[in-house]
C-alpha atoms as a PDB file:
ATOM      1  CA  PHE A   1      11.806   3.730 -12.511  1.00  0.00           C
ATOM      2  CA  VAL A   2       8.736   5.352 -14.010  1.00  0.00           C
ATOM      3  CA  ARG A   3       6.204   7.102 -11.789  1.00  0.00           C
ATOM      4  CA  GLU A   4       2.897   5.463 -12.441  1.00  0.00           C
ATOM      5  CA  ASP A   5       0.266   5.728  -9.726  1.00  0.00           C
ATOM      6  CA  LEU A   6      -0.450   7.432  -6.420  1.00  0.00           C
ATOM      7  CA  TYR A   7      -2.782   6.134  -3.729  1.00  0.00           C
ATOM      8  CA  ARG A   8      -3.967   9.543  -2.554  1.00  0.00           C
ATOM      9  CA  SER A   9      -5.748   8.509   0.639  1.00  0.00           C
ATOM     10  CA  SER A  10      -2.545   7.275   2.249  1.00  0.00           C
ATOM     11  CA  GLY A  11      -0.076   9.184   0.123  1.00  0.00           C
ATOM     12  CA  ILE A  12       1.633   6.108  -1.306  1.00  0.00           C
ATOM     13  CA  ASN A  13       3.443   6.488  -4.620  1.00  0.00           C
ATOM     14  CA  ALA A  14       4.185   3.346  -6.648  1.00  0.00           C
ATOM     15  CA  GLU A  15       6.838   3.244  -9.326  1.00  0.00           C
ATOM     16  CA  TYR A  16       7.907   0.451 -11.620  1.00  0.00           C
ATOM     17  CA  GLY A  17      10.834  -0.332 -13.823  1.00  0.00           C
ATOM     18  CA  GLY A  18      11.963  -3.543 -15.428  1.00  0.00           C
ATOM     19  CA  CYS A  19      10.488  -6.486 -13.551  1.00  0.00           C
ATOM     20  CA  GLY A  20      10.042  -4.753 -10.178  1.00  0.00           C
ATOM     21  CA  MET A  21       8.225  -2.004  -8.324  1.00  0.00           C
ATOM     22  CA  THR A  22       8.916   0.270  -5.387  1.00  0.00           C
ATOM     23  CA  LEU A  23       6.489   1.987  -3.012  1.00  0.00           C
ATOM     24  CA  PHE A  24       7.275   5.379  -1.475  1.00  0.00           C
ATOM     25  CA  ASN A  25       5.719   7.753   1.023  1.00  0.00           C
ATOM     26  CA  ALA A  26       4.550  10.499  -1.341  1.00  0.00           C
ATOM     27  CA  ASP A  27       5.110  13.204   1.286  1.00  0.00           C
ATOM     28  CA  THR A  28       8.653  12.295   2.378  1.00  0.00           C
ATOM     29  CA  ALA A  29       9.891  10.169  -0.578  1.00  0.00           C
ATOM     30  CA  GLU A  30      10.884   7.493   1.976  1.00  0.00           C
ATOM     31  CA  GLN A  31      11.050   4.042   0.375  1.00  0.00           C
ATOM     32  CA  LEU A  32       8.490   1.793   2.064  1.00  0.00           C
ATOM     33  CA  ASP A  33       8.693  -1.435   0.081  1.00  0.00           C
ATOM     34  CA  SER A  34      10.495  -2.827  -2.938  1.00  0.00           C
ATOM     35  CA  LEU A  35       9.729  -5.950  -4.939  1.00  0.00           C
ATOM     36  CA  THR A  36      12.066  -7.238  -7.640  1.00  0.00           C
ATOM     37  CA  GLY A  37      11.586 -10.046 -10.135  1.00  0.00           C
ATOM     38  CA  ILE A  38       7.837 -10.030  -9.711  1.00  0.00           C
ATOM     39  CA  HIS A  39       7.304 -10.548 -13.449  1.00  0.00           C
ATOM     40  CA  SER A  40       9.424 -12.598 -15.856  1.00  0.00           C
ATOM     41  CA  ASP A  41       9.446  -9.685 -18.327  1.00  0.00           C
ATOM     42  CA  ALA A  42       9.091  -5.905 -17.969  1.00  0.00           C
ATOM     43  CA  ILE A  43       6.094  -4.429 -16.152  1.00  0.00           C
ATOM     44  CA  THR A  44       3.970  -2.344 -18.505  1.00  0.00           C
ATOM     45  CA  THR A  45       1.206  -1.108 -16.194  1.00  0.00           C
ATOM     46  CA  LEU A  46       0.744  -0.520 -12.480  1.00  0.00           C
ATOM     47  CA  GLU A  47      -2.423   0.711 -10.790  1.00  0.00           C
ATOM     48  CA  PHE A  48      -4.003   0.873  -7.337  1.00  0.00           C
ATOM     49  CA  SER A  49      -7.515  -0.446  -6.692  1.00  0.00           C
ATOM     50  CA  ASP A  50     -10.186   2.141  -5.868  1.00  0.00           C
ATOM     51  CA  THR A  51      -9.708   1.487  -2.149  1.00  0.00           C
ATOM     52  CA  GLY A  52      -5.917   1.439  -2.376  1.00  0.00           C
ATOM     53  CA  ARG A  53      -5.824  -1.926  -0.624  1.00  0.00           C
ATOM     54  CA  TYR A  54      -4.547  -3.712  -3.734  1.00  0.00           C
ATOM     55  CA  LEU A  55      -2.024  -2.927  -6.421  1.00  0.00           C
ATOM     56  CA  TYR A  56      -2.256  -4.452  -9.895  1.00  0.00           C
ATOM     57  CA  THR A  57       0.686  -5.016 -12.210  1.00  0.00           C
ATOM     58  CA  CYS A  58       0.654  -6.189 -15.793  1.00  0.00           C
ATOM     59  CA  GLY A  59       3.791  -7.284 -17.612  1.00  0.00           C
ATOM     60  CA  LYS A  60       5.085  -8.146 -21.032  1.00  0.00           C
ATOM     61  CA  ASP A  61       5.060 -11.724 -19.736  1.00  0.00           C
ATOM     62  CA  LYS A  62       1.273 -11.528 -20.344  1.00  0.00           C
ATOM     63  CA  THR A  63       0.389 -11.892 -16.671  1.00  0.00           C
ATOM     64  CA  ILE A  64      -1.609  -9.686 -14.346  1.00  0.00           C
ATOM     65  CA  ARG A  65      -0.629  -9.858 -10.691  1.00  0.00           C
ATOM     66  CA  VAL A  66      -2.573  -8.586  -7.696  1.00  0.00           C
ATOM     67  CA  TRP A  67      -0.614  -7.363  -4.667  1.00  0.00           C
ATOM     68  CA  LEU A  68      -1.798  -6.486  -1.188  1.00  0.00           C
ATOM     69  CA  ASN A  69      -0.616  -2.940  -0.485  1.00  0.00           C
ATOM     70  CA  ARG A  70       1.115  -3.557   2.872  1.00  0.00           C
ATOM     71  CA  ALA A  71       2.872  -0.184   2.770  1.00  0.00           C
ATOM     72  CA  GLY A  72      -0.480   1.517   2.297  1.00  0.00           C
ATOM     73  CA  MET A  73      -1.952  -0.444   5.182  1.00  0.00           C
ATOM     74  CA  MET A  74       0.905   0.630   7.463  1.00  0.00           C
ATOM     75  CA  ARG A  75       0.485   4.242   6.358  1.00  0.00           C
ATOM     76  CA  ASP A  76      -3.279   4.010   7.027  1.00  0.00           C
ATOM     77  CA  ILE A  77      -2.504   2.893  10.594  1.00  0.00           C
ATOM     78  CA  GLU A  78      -0.225   5.914  11.049  1.00  0.00           C
ATOM     79  CA  LEU A  79      -2.871   8.313   9.745  1.00  0.00           C
ATOM     80  CA  TRP A  80      -5.648   6.735  11.821  1.00  0.00           C
ATOM     81  CA  SER A  81      -3.437   6.922  14.934  1.00  0.00           C
ATOM     82  CA  GLU A  82      -2.887  10.642  14.317  1.00  0.00           C
ATOM     83  CA  SER A  83      -6.637  11.131  13.870  1.00  0.00           C
ATOM     84  CA  LEU A  84      -7.313   9.147  17.036  1.00  0.00           C
ATOM     85  CA  ARG A  85      -5.083  11.464  19.091  1.00  0.00           C
ATOM     86  CA  ALA A  86      -7.026  14.471  17.799  1.00  0.00           C
ATOM     87  CA  ALA A  87     -10.518  12.931  17.947  1.00  0.00           C
ATOM     88  CA  THR A  88     -12.994  14.170  20.544  1.00  0.00           C
ATOM     89  CA  ASN A  89     -16.093  12.194  19.544  1.00  0.00           C
ATOM     90  CA  ALA A  90     -16.329   8.816  21.327  1.00  0.00           C
ATOM     91  CA  SER A  91     -17.901   6.943  18.386  1.00  0.00           C
ATOM     92  CA  HIS A  92     -15.255   8.320  16.015  1.00  0.00           C
ATOM     93  CA  LYS A  93     -12.533   7.193  18.430  1.00  0.00           C
ATOM     94  CA  ASP A  94     -14.086   3.716  18.635  1.00  0.00           C
ATOM     95  CA  ARG A  95     -14.230   3.414  14.843  1.00  0.00           C
ATOM     96  CA  LEU A  96     -10.593   4.494  14.479  1.00  0.00           C
ATOM     97  CA  LYS A  97      -9.522   1.997  17.155  1.00  0.00           C
ATOM     98  CA  GLN A  98     -11.423  -0.748  15.320  1.00  0.00           C
ATOM     99  CA  GLN A  99      -9.801   0.129  11.976  1.00  0.00           C
ATOM    100  CA  ILE A 100      -6.342   0.179  13.567  1.00  0.00           C
ATOM    101  CA  ALA A 101      -6.902  -3.159  15.332  1.00  0.00           C
ATOM    102  CA  GLU A 102      -8.303  -4.912  12.243  1.00  0.00           C
ATOM    103  CA  THR A 103      -5.537  -3.660   9.943  1.00  0.00           C
ATOM    104  CA  THR A 104      -2.818  -4.464  12.483  1.00  0.00           C
ATOM    105  CA  ALA A 105      -4.202  -7.992  12.858  1.00  0.00           C
ATOM    106  CA  ARG A 106      -4.269  -8.466   9.076  1.00  0.00           C
ATOM    107  CA  LEU A 107      -0.650  -7.326   8.782  1.00  0.00           C
ATOM    108  CA  ALA A 108       0.334  -9.761  11.539  1.00  0.00           C
ATOM    109  CA  GLU A 109      -1.414 -12.605   9.682  1.00  0.00           C
ATOM    110  CA  LEU A 110       0.464 -11.703   6.513  1.00  0.00           C
ATOM    111  CA  ALA A 111       3.779 -11.562   8.358  1.00  0.00           C
ATOM    112  CA  ALA A 112       3.146 -15.030   9.797  1.00  0.00           C
ATOM    113  CA  MET A 113       2.635 -16.406   6.269  1.00  0.00           C
ATOM    114  CA  THR A 114       6.011 -15.227   4.985  1.00  0.00           C
END
């Protein structure tokens, strides 16, 4: 695999090789997700969107694919939960709770589709 892009906000590292990609926790090197056979020919480029919510791959098969960064969403929930435990401001706590709830709901919707 070739290291290609890092979503700094959540510390997600994405690597690609051949027709697949793998997502890792950049701090611990724990593998979070792996997708194989996502292109019919080798992946040539991989990049996160500005928000980190999406991951783009381009392959020699002349296709561009857009992926929802589920691993990044799960890592965001972890980071927000840590911030929530340390937060003292009520409005900040409310915003963190809202972000956690919305992202958790979106992940549940995605899980129901697969």
